[in-house]
C-alpha atoms as a PDB file:
ATOM      1  CA  MET A   1     -38.298  39.980  59.879  1.00  0.00           C
ATOM      2  CA  MET A   2     -41.910  38.454  59.495  1.00  0.00           C
ATOM      3  CA  ILE A   3     -40.352  35.286  60.041  1.00  0.00           C
ATOM      4  CA  TRP A   4     -38.793  35.911  63.345  1.00  0.00           C
ATOM      5  CA  GLN A   5     -41.768  37.586  64.221  1.00  0.00           C
ATOM      6  CA  GLY A   6     -43.786  34.880  63.476  1.00  0.00           C
ATOM      7  CA  ILE A   7     -46.046  36.600  60.953  1.00  0.00           C
ATOM      8  CA  GLY A   8     -47.185  34.631  58.206  1.00  0.00           C
ATOM      9  CA  ILE A   9     -46.218  36.121  54.896  1.00  0.00           C
ATOM     10  CA  ASP A  10     -49.003  36.273  52.012  1.00  0.00           C
ATOM     11  CA  PRO A  11     -49.562  39.053  49.816  1.00  0.00           C
ATOM     12  CA  SER A  12     -52.117  40.719  51.801  1.00  0.00           C
ATOM     13  CA  ARG A  13     -49.507  41.392  54.413  1.00  0.00           C
ATOM     14  CA  TYR A  14     -46.753  41.783  52.640  1.00  0.00           C
ATOM     15  CA  VAL A  15     -47.579  44.358  49.912  1.00  0.00           C
ATOM     16  CA  PHE A  16     -47.821  46.678  53.702  1.00  0.00           C
ATOM     17  CA  VAL A  17     -43.617  46.017  53.642  1.00  0.00           C
ATOM     18  CA  LEU A  18     -43.733  47.592  50.825  1.00  0.00           C
ATOM     19  CA  LEU A  19     -46.095  50.299  51.333  1.00  0.00           C
ATOM     20  CA  PHE A  20     -44.351  51.426  54.234  1.00  0.00           C
ATOM     21  CA  ALA A  21     -41.158  51.498  52.158  1.00  0.00           C
ATOM     22  CA  SER A  22     -42.704  53.458  49.633  1.00  0.00           C
ATOM     23  CA  LEU A  23     -43.032  56.233  52.443  1.00  0.00           C
ATOM     24  CA  PHE A  24     -39.314  56.015  52.245  1.00  0.00           C
ATOM     25  CA  VAL A  25     -39.081  57.285  48.737  1.00  0.00           C
ATOM     26  CA  ARG A  26     -42.182  59.317  49.423  1.00  0.00           C
ATOM     27  CA  ARG A  27     -43.719  57.857  46.749  1.00  0.00           C
ATOM     28  CA  THR A  28     -46.517  56.632  48.634  1.00  0.00           C
ATOM     29  CA  ARG A  29     -49.264  57.769  46.116  1.00  0.00           C
ATOM     30  CA  SER A  30     -47.755  56.071  42.959  1.00  0.00           C
ATOM     31  CA  PHE A  31     -47.125  52.745  44.798  1.00  0.00           C
ATOM     32  CA  ILE A  32     -50.543  52.234  45.143  1.00  0.00           C
ATOM     33  CA  LEU A  33     -52.274  53.094  41.723  1.00  0.00           C
ATOM     34  CA  ASP A  34     -49.390  50.878  39.905  1.00  0.00           C
ATOM     35  CA  TRP A  35     -49.846  48.149  42.841  1.00  0.00           C
ATOM     36  CA  THR A  36     -53.674  48.607  43.254  1.00  0.00           C
ATOM     37  CA  PRO A  37     -54.543  46.325  39.771  1.00  0.00           C
ATOM     38  CA  PHE A  38     -51.305  43.862  40.188  1.00  0.00           C
ATOM     39  CA  LEU A  39     -52.704  43.194  43.135  1.00  0.00           C
ATOM     40  CA  PHE A  40     -55.684  42.469  42.346  1.00  0.00           C
ATOM     41  CA  ILE A  41     -55.625  40.452  40.028  1.00  0.00           C
ATOM     42  CA  LEU A  42     -52.303  38.603  41.612  1.00  0.00           C
ATOM     43  CA  LEU A  43     -55.059  37.868  44.822  1.00  0.00           C
ATOM     44  CA  SER A  44     -57.960  36.972  42.151  1.00  0.00           C
ATOM     45  CA  TYR A  45     -55.368  34.597  40.652  1.00  0.00           C
ATOM     46  CA  ASP A  46     -55.212  32.214  44.539  1.00  0.00           C
ATOM     47  CA  PHE A  47     -59.032  33.038  44.505  1.00  0.00           C
ATOM     48  CA  LEU A  48     -59.589  30.867  41.773  1.00  0.00           C
ATOM     49  CA  ARG A  49     -56.898  28.564  42.331  1.00  0.00           C
ATOM     50  CA  GLY A  50     -58.919  27.153  45.047  1.00  0.00           C
ATOM     51  CA  PHE A  51     -61.878  26.250  42.298  1.00  0.00           C
ATOM     52  CA  ALA A  52     -59.228  23.570  40.964  1.00  0.00           C
ATOM     53  CA  ASP A  53     -58.543  21.760  43.962  1.00  0.00           C
ATOM     54  CA  ASP A  54     -59.783  17.841  43.447  1.00  0.00           C
ATOM     55  CA  LEU A  55     -62.733  18.390  40.211  1.00  0.00           C
ATOM     56  CA  GLY A  56     -64.266  15.586  42.189  1.00  0.00           C
ATOM     57  CA  GLY A  57     -61.218  13.088  42.422  1.00  0.00           C
ATOM     58  CA  ARG A  58     -59.885  13.885  39.515  1.00  0.00           C
ATOM     59  CA  ALA A  59     -56.734  14.688  40.678  1.00  0.00           C
ATOM     60  CA  ASN A  60     -53.906  12.419  38.982  1.00  0.00           C
ATOM     61  CA  PHE A  61     -51.733  10.265  41.169  1.00  0.00           C
ATOM     62  CA  LEU A  62     -50.169   8.001  38.438  1.00  0.00           C
ATOM     63  CA  ASP A  63     -49.089   9.771  35.985  1.00  0.00           C
ATOM     64  CA  LEU A  64     -45.936  12.076  38.016  1.00  0.00           C
ATOM     65  CA  ILE A  65     -45.164   8.958  39.840  1.00  0.00           C
ATOM     66  CA  ASN A  66     -44.903   6.323  36.907  1.00  0.00           C
ATOM     67  CA  LEU A  67     -42.382   9.933  34.738  1.00  0.00           C
ATOM     68  CA  GLU A  68     -40.440  10.216  37.216  1.00  0.00           C
ATOM     69  CA  GLN A  69     -39.529   6.934  37.587  1.00  0.00           C
ATOM     70  CA  GLY A  70     -39.212   6.087  34.079  1.00  0.00           C
ATOM     71  CA  ILE A  71     -37.073   8.907  34.199  1.00  0.00           C
ATOM     72  CA  PHE A  72     -34.857   7.963  37.111  1.00  0.00           C
ATOM     73  CA  GLY A  73     -35.871   5.123  37.593  1.00  0.00           C
ATOM     74  CA  MET A  74     -36.854   6.298  41.714  1.00  0.00           C
ATOM     75  CA  ILE A  75     -38.512   9.388  42.872  1.00  0.00           C
ATOM     76  CA  PRO A  76     -35.982  11.723  44.055  1.00  0.00           C
ATOM     77  CA  THR A  77     -38.003  13.262  46.850  1.00  0.00           C
ATOM     78  CA  ILE A  78     -37.909   9.083  48.671  1.00  0.00           C
ATOM     79  CA  GLU A  79     -33.790   8.823  48.327  1.00  0.00           C
ATOM     80  CA  LEU A  80     -33.626  12.755  48.901  1.00  0.00           C
ATOM     81  CA  GLN A  81     -35.331  12.311  52.302  1.00  0.00           C
ATOM     82  CA  LYS A  82     -33.756   8.483  52.478  1.00  0.00           C
ATOM     83  CA  LEU A  83     -30.237  10.288  52.458  1.00  0.00           C
ATOM     84  CA  LEU A  84     -31.045  13.805  55.004  1.00  0.00           C
ATOM     85  CA  TYR A  85     -33.758  13.412  56.697  1.00  0.00           C
ATOM     86  CA  HIS A  86     -33.117  11.430  60.136  1.00  0.00           C
ATOM     87  CA  GLY A  87     -36.712  12.306  61.584  1.00  0.00           C
ATOM     88  CA  SER A  88     -35.975  15.070  63.455  1.00  0.00           C
ATOM     89  CA  PRO A  89     -35.247  18.895  62.399  1.00  0.00           C
ATOM     90  CA  THR A  90     -31.833  20.170  61.670  1.00  0.00           C
ATOM     91  CA  ILE A  91     -30.868  23.742  60.024  1.00  0.00           C
ATOM     92  CA  LEU A  92     -31.360  21.993  56.405  1.00  0.00           C
ATOM     93  CA  ASP A  93     -35.098  21.091  56.830  1.00  0.00           C
ATOM     94  CA  TYR A  94     -35.301  24.745  58.531  1.00  0.00           C
ATOM     95  CA  LEU A  95     -33.228  26.633  55.208  1.00  0.00           C
ATOM     96  CA  ALA A  96     -35.467  24.145  52.970  1.00  0.00           C
ATOM     97  CA  THR A  97     -38.794  25.203  55.187  1.00  0.00           C
ATOM     98  CA  ILE A  98     -37.779  29.001  55.156  1.00  0.00           C
ATOM     99  CA  PHE A  99     -37.164  29.114  51.334  1.00  0.00           C
ATOM    100  CA  TYR A 100     -40.158  27.625  50.490  1.00  0.00           C
ATOM    101  CA  PHE A 101     -42.217  30.382  52.300  1.00  0.00           C
ATOM    102  CA  LEU A 102     -40.419  32.899  50.336  1.00  0.00           C
ATOM    103  CA  HIS A 103     -42.648  32.347  47.870  1.00  0.00           C
ATOM    104  CA  PHE A 104     -44.096  35.430  47.446  1.00  0.00           C
ATOM    105  CA  ALA A 105     -41.334  37.554  49.174  1.00  0.00           C
ATOM    106  CA  LEU A 106     -38.878  37.015  46.341  1.00  0.00           C
ATOM    107  CA  PRO A 107     -41.257  38.094  43.421  1.00  0.00           C
ATOM    108  CA  LEU A 108     -43.160  40.655  45.614  1.00  0.00           C
ATOM    109  CA  GLY A 109     -39.451  42.519  46.319  1.00  0.00           C
ATOM    110  CA  PHE A 110     -38.076  41.832  43.170  1.00  0.00           C
ATOM    111  CA  GLY A 111     -41.462  44.004  41.687  1.00  0.00           C
ATOM    112  CA  PHE A 112     -40.514  46.658  44.076  1.00  0.00           C
ATOM    113  CA  LEU A 113     -36.692  47.298  43.064  1.00  0.00           C
ATOM    114  CA  LEU A 114     -38.086  47.465  39.373  1.00  0.00           C
ATOM    115  CA  TRP A 115     -41.072  49.267  40.479  1.00  0.00           C
ATOM    116  CA  LEU A 116     -38.288  52.034  42.013  1.00  0.00           C
ATOM    117  CA  ASN A 117     -36.031  51.718  39.209  1.00  0.00           C
ATOM    118  CA  ASN A 118     -38.120  51.629  36.206  1.00  0.00           C
ATOM    119  CA  ARG A 119     -41.573  51.466  36.212  1.00  0.00           C
ATOM    120  CA  GLY A 120     -41.450  50.522  32.473  1.00  0.00           C
ATOM    121  CA  GLN A 121     -39.654  47.373  33.485  1.00  0.00           C
ATOM    122  CA  PHE A 122     -41.630  46.511  36.429  1.00  0.00           C
ATOM    123  CA  ARG A 123     -44.592  46.601  34.004  1.00  0.00           C
ATOM    124  CA  ASN A 124     -42.797  44.140  31.922  1.00  0.00           C
ATOM    125  CA  PHE A 125     -42.520  41.724  35.053  1.00  0.00           C
ATOM    126  CA  VAL A 126     -46.001  42.053  36.295  1.00  0.00           C
ATOM    127  CA  THR A 127     -47.143  41.295  32.552  1.00  0.00           C
ATOM    128  CA  GLY A 128     -44.672  38.582  33.124  1.00  0.00           C
ATOM    129  CA  ILE A 129     -45.909  37.173  36.298  1.00  0.00           C
ATOM    130  CA  LEU A 130     -49.955  36.984  35.675  1.00  0.00           C
ATOM    131  CA  LEU A 131     -49.783  35.615  32.473  1.00  0.00           C
ATOM    132  CA  LEU A 132     -47.747  32.453  34.211  1.00  0.00           C
ATOM    133  CA  SER A 133     -49.807  32.408  36.581  1.00  0.00           C
ATOM    134  CA  TYR A 134     -53.131  32.295  34.848  1.00  0.00           C
ATOM    135  CA  SER A 135     -51.509  29.440  32.577  1.00  0.00           C
ATOM    136  CA  ALA A 136     -51.052  27.203  35.506  1.00  0.00           C
ATOM    137  CA  TRP A 137     -54.518  28.109  36.897  1.00  0.00           C
ATOM    138  CA  LEU A 138     -55.589  27.118  33.072  1.00  0.00           C
ATOM    139  CA  THR A 139     -53.258  24.092  33.758  1.00  0.00           C
ATOM    140  CA  PHE A 140     -54.280  23.320  37.254  1.00  0.00           C
ATOM    141  CA  LEU A 141     -58.395  22.859  36.392  1.00  0.00           C
ATOM    142  CA  ILE A 142     -57.059  20.872  32.935  1.00  0.00           C
ATOM    143  CA  TYR A 143     -55.006  18.292  34.977  1.00  0.00           C
ATOM    144  CA  PRO A 144     -54.926  18.177  38.706  1.00  0.00           C
ATOM    145  CA  SER A 145     -52.172  16.467  40.103  1.00  0.00           C
ATOM    146  CA  ALA A 146     -51.127  15.733  43.845  1.00  0.00           C
ATOM    147  CA  PRO A 147     -47.539  16.346  44.807  1.00  0.00           C
ATOM    148  CA  PRO A 148     -45.395  13.217  47.019  1.00  0.00           C
ATOM    149  CA  TRP A 149     -46.009  13.637  50.630  1.00  0.00           C
ATOM    150  CA  LEU A 150     -50.342  13.235  49.176  1.00  0.00           C
ATOM    151  CA  ALA A 151     -49.720  10.614  46.572  1.00  0.00           C
ATOM    152  CA  SER A 152     -47.729   8.918  50.143  1.00  0.00           C
ATOM    153  CA  ASN A 153     -50.864   9.025  52.183  1.00  0.00           C
ATOM    154  CA  GLU A 154     -53.209   7.790  49.824  1.00  0.00           C
ATOM    155  CA  GLY A 155     -50.546   4.792  48.880  1.00  0.00           C
ATOM    156  CA  TYR A 156     -49.721   5.563  45.703  1.00  0.00           C
ATOM    157  CA  ILE A 157     -45.979   5.583  47.219  1.00  0.00           C
ATOM    158  CA  PRO A 158     -43.224   4.809  49.695  1.00  0.00           C
ATOM    159  CA  HIS A 159     -43.534   7.300  52.853  1.00  0.00           C
ATOM    160  CA  VAL A 160     -42.867  10.568  52.402  1.00  0.00           C
ATOM    161  CA  ASN A 161     -41.935  12.921  55.627  1.00  0.00           C
ATOM    162  CA  LYS A 162     -44.434  16.022  55.161  1.00  0.00           C
ATOM    163  CA  ILE A 163     -41.546  18.119  56.573  1.00  0.00           C
ATOM    164  CA  ILE A 164     -42.638  21.380  56.157  1.00  0.00           C
ATOM    165  CA  ASP A 165     -45.282  20.407  59.322  1.00  0.00           C
ATOM    166  CA  THR A 166     -42.492  19.726  61.373  1.00  0.00           C
ATOM    167  CA  THR A 167     -40.363  22.557  61.153  1.00  0.00           C
ATOM    168  CA  LEU A 168     -43.080  24.950  61.084  1.00  0.00           C
ATOM    169  CA  SER A 169     -43.632  23.763  64.723  1.00  0.00           C
ATOM    170  CA  ALA A 170     -40.683  25.328  65.932  1.00  0.00           C
ATOM    171  CA  PHE A 171     -41.383  28.678  63.740  1.00  0.00           C
ATOM    172  CA  PRO A 172     -42.415  31.437  66.740  1.00  0.00           C
ATOM    173  CA  ASP A 173     -46.130  32.902  65.683  1.00  0.00           C
ATOM    174  CA  ARG A 174     -46.330  35.577  68.132  1.00  0.00           C
ATOM    175  CA  TRP A 175     -48.577  38.158  65.551  1.00  0.00           C
ATOM    176  CA  ASP A 176     -52.539  37.014  64.507  1.00  0.00           C
ATOM    177  CA  LEU A 177     -52.372  39.526  61.913  1.00  0.00           C
ATOM    178  CA  PRO A 178     -55.494  40.219  59.504  1.00  0.00           C
ATOM    179  CA  SER A 179     -55.087  38.511  55.777  1.00  0.00           C
ATOM    180  CA  ILE A 180     -57.770  37.560  52.765  1.00  0.00           C
ATOM    181  CA  TYR A 181     -55.566  34.121  52.529  1.00  0.00           C
ATOM    182  CA  HIS A 182     -57.593  33.028  55.585  1.00  0.00           C
ATOM    183  CA  ASN A 183     -60.812  32.956  53.516  1.00  0.00           C
ATOM    184  CA  PHE A 184     -59.557  30.579  50.380  1.00  0.00           C
ATOM    185  CA  ASN A 185     -59.465  27.737  49.226  1.00  0.00           C
ATOM    186  CA  PRO A 186     -55.934  25.880  49.707  1.00  0.00           C
ATOM    187  CA  ASN A 187     -55.305  23.819  46.443  1.00  0.00           C
ATOM    188  CA  ALA A 188     -53.587  20.724  47.150  1.00  0.00           C
ATOM    189  CA  VAL A 189     -53.591  19.367  43.913  1.00  0.00           C
ATOM    190  CA  ALA A 190     -51.646  21.942  42.388  1.00  0.00           C
ATOM    191  CA  ALA A 191     -48.415  20.111  41.696  1.00  0.00           C
ATOM    192  CA  MET A 192     -48.282  20.321  38.330  1.00  0.00           C
ATOM    193  CA  PRO A 193     -46.358  22.879  37.232  1.00  0.00           C
ATOM    194  CA  SER A 194     -44.969  24.338  40.254  1.00  0.00           C
ATOM    195  CA  LEU A 195     -44.929  28.034  40.718  1.00  0.00           C
ATOM    196  CA  HIS A 196     -42.726  27.283  43.471  1.00  0.00           C
ATOM    197  CA  ALA A 197     -40.372  26.695  41.185  1.00  0.00           C
ATOM    198  CA  ALA A 198     -41.563  29.230  38.441  1.00  0.00           C
ATOM    199  CA  TYR A 199     -41.678  32.625  40.329  1.00  0.00           C
ATOM    200  CA  PRO A 200     -38.294  32.311  40.869  1.00  0.00           C
ATOM    201  CA  PHE A 201     -36.734  31.648  38.102  1.00  0.00           C
ATOM    202  CA  LEU A 202     -38.596  34.274  36.330  1.00  0.00           C
ATOM    203  CA  VAL A 203     -37.089  36.355  38.001  1.00  0.00           C
ATOM    204  CA  LEU A 204     -33.679  35.030  37.303  1.00  0.00           C
ATOM    205  CA  LEU A 205     -34.935  35.369  33.823  1.00  0.00           C
ATOM    206  CA  TYR A 206     -35.467  39.041  34.466  1.00  0.00           C
ATOM    207  CA  ALA A 207     -32.559  39.886  36.988  1.00  0.00           C
ATOM    208  CA  LEU A 208     -30.633  39.159  33.501  1.00  0.00           C
ATOM    209  CA  ARG A 209     -32.020  41.162  30.983  1.00  0.00           C
ATOM    210  CA  PHE A 210     -32.232  44.381  33.542  1.00  0.00           C
ATOM    211  CA  PHE A 211     -29.471  43.572  34.852  1.00  0.00           C
ATOM    212  CA  LYS A 212     -26.947  42.060  33.042  1.00  0.00           C
ATOM    213  CA  LYS A 213     -24.162  39.974  35.420  1.00  0.00           C
ATOM    214  CA  LYS A 214     -25.532  41.348  38.522  1.00  0.00           C
ATOM    215  CA  GLY A 215     -28.485  39.099  37.948  1.00  0.00           C
ATOM    216  CA  LEU A 216     -26.607  35.909  38.761  1.00  0.00           C
ATOM    217  CA  PHE A 217     -27.005  36.968  42.101  1.00  0.00           C
ATOM    218  CA  PHE A 218     -30.018  34.876  42.000  1.00  0.00           C
ATOM    219  CA  ILE A 219     -29.035  31.650  41.014  1.00  0.00           C
ATOM    220  CA  PRO A 220     -27.757  30.390  44.455  1.00  0.00           C
ATOM    221  CA  TYR A 221     -31.571  30.565  45.996  1.00  0.00           C
ATOM    222  CA  VAL A 222     -33.195  29.211  42.554  1.00  0.00           C
ATOM    223  CA  LEU A 223     -31.369  26.072  43.099  1.00  0.00           C
ATOM    224  CA  GLY A 224     -32.297  26.288  46.860  1.00  0.00           C
ATOM    225  CA  VAL A 225     -35.907  26.542  46.249  1.00  0.00           C
ATOM    226  CA  TRP A 226     -36.017  24.091  43.385  1.00  0.00           C
ATOM    227  CA  PHE A 227     -33.683  21.731  45.648  1.00  0.00           C
ATOM    228  CA  SER A 228     -36.098  21.980  48.777  1.00  0.00           C
ATOM    229  CA  LEU A 229     -39.149  21.395  46.613  1.00  0.00           C
ATOM    230  CA  VAL A 230     -38.115  18.357  45.744  1.00  0.00           C
ATOM    231  CA  TYR A 231     -36.509  17.339  49.252  1.00  0.00           C
ATOM    232  CA  LEU A 232     -39.438  18.569  51.565  1.00  0.00           C
ATOM    233  CA  GLY A 233     -42.230  16.339  49.859  1.00  0.00           C
ATOM    234  CA  GLU A 234     -44.250  19.462  47.812  1.00  0.00           C
ATOM    235  CA  HIS A 235     -43.296  18.667  44.461  1.00  0.00           C
ATOM    236  CA  TYR A 236     -41.771  16.234  41.920  1.00  0.00           C
ATOM    237  CA  PHE A 237     -38.890  17.026  40.238  1.00  0.00           C
ATOM    238  CA  VAL A 238     -41.210  16.894  37.061  1.00  0.00           C
ATOM    239  CA  ASP A 239     -42.776  19.765  38.610  1.00  0.00           C
ATOM    240  CA  VAL A 240     -39.853  21.704  38.599  1.00  0.00           C
ATOM    241  CA  VAL A 241     -38.519  21.722  35.298  1.00  0.00           C
ATOM    242  CA  ALA A 242     -42.618  21.997  34.387  1.00  0.00           C
ATOM    243  CA  GLY A 243     -42.662  25.424  36.159  1.00  0.00           C
ATOM    244  CA  ALA A 244     -39.086  26.561  34.836  1.00  0.00           C
ATOM    245  CA  ILE A 245     -40.490  25.579  31.118  1.00  0.00           C
ATOM    246  CA  TYR A 246     -43.386  27.620  31.958  1.00  0.00           C
ATOM    247  CA  ALA A 247     -41.345  31.094  33.356  1.00  0.00           C
ATOM    248  CA  VAL A 248     -38.949  30.807  30.154  1.00  0.00           C
ATOM    249  CA  ILE A 249     -42.153  30.636  27.413  1.00  0.00           C
ATOM    250  CA  PHE A 250     -44.294  33.472  29.510  1.00  0.00           C
ATOM    251  CA  TYR A 251     -41.207  35.384  29.487  1.00  0.00           C
ATOM    252  CA  PHE A 252     -40.753  35.704  26.055  1.00  0.00           C
ATOM    253  CA  ILE A 253     -44.294  36.427  25.810  1.00  0.00           C
ATOM    254  CA  SER A 254     -43.955  39.015  28.090  1.00  0.00           C
ATOM    255  CA  VAL A 255     -40.787  40.607  26.544  1.00  0.00           C
ATOM    256  CA  LYS A 256     -42.838  40.371  23.071  1.00  0.00           C
ATOM    257  CA  LEU A 257     -45.751  41.929  23.839  1.00  0.00           C
ATOM    258  CA  HIS A 258     -44.002  45.076  25.816  1.00  0.00           C
ATOM    259  CA  ILE A 259     -41.755  45.686  22.907  1.00  0.00           C
ATOM    260  CA  ILE A 260     -45.217  46.127  20.752  1.00  0.00           C
ATOM    261  CA  ASN A 261     -46.553  50.354  20.918  1.00  0.00           C
ATOM    262  CA  TRP A 262     -49.760  48.864  21.590  1.00  0.00           C
ATOM    263  CA  GLU A 263     -50.592  52.969  21.629  1.00  0.00           C
ATOM    264  CA  LYS A 264     -49.519  53.170  18.098  1.00  0.00           C
ATOM    265  CA  LEU A 265     -50.780  50.511  17.010  1.00  0.00           C
ATOM    266  CA  PHE A 266     -54.320  51.938  18.479  1.00  0.00           C
ATOM    267  CA  ALA A 267     -54.402  55.026  16.901  1.00  0.00           C
ATOM    268  CA  ARG A 268     -53.894  53.319  13.395  1.00  0.00           C
ATOM    269  CA  PHE A 269     -56.494  51.491  13.794  1.00  0.00           C
ATOM    270  CA  LEU A 270     -58.655  54.160  14.716  1.00  0.00           C
ATOM    271  CA  GLN A 271     -57.204  56.118  11.539  1.00  0.00           C
ATOM    272  CA  ARG A 272     -59.304  53.125   9.590  1.00  0.00           C
END
């Protein structure tokens, strides 16, 4: 609906969709209390992410290029675009763009589903996604890396089409609603690991944990996002793999933290 109406999807806007939904289940007060800390920390991450941008010319271009060529003997993004992109957008290009821009909608929507079902599951998921986000931010600080389209613009690899720039011009732009994201500095060198790849995979892991076989429903979406990231030139394939690895690591850490009875440990500490 937001895409159809030309409303950009970001957490500061999408949360109002969820707030509206909470009215129907008569849990608005609970929603505000449970979601405000989560959204504040998540938005703080996105604000801080801009500080990792370039870092005085330290952006890495060649490492990921050499790694891809060493593994595949070529750059998957370039080969996919040669095969599938023909200069003017097709249905595939528009679908890939939609997959890419559901980056925030999927984890927040899934979090809302968990919140409706079980607040303990919701807190577990929130722990995982925040640990994942801030660990990636630290990685961006230490190792800022450029995506394929930027490497192409700088002449490090052959031409890569920034397909999103073309497809977005065909999407409606009817509403210019307020968004605090207009004040954030976007980070062009936060390719490794890919959080666009990590978020949906983290959702899949939690879906399998909480909903068992029903969680398999998310597999086509995850694969669609991963393909889109590489095809659109927004990430290297190795960025996607790194994002998946980060998701697995912080999924297990968050599950382990959730198992620990912190209240009991704190009570024992006070007794000492």
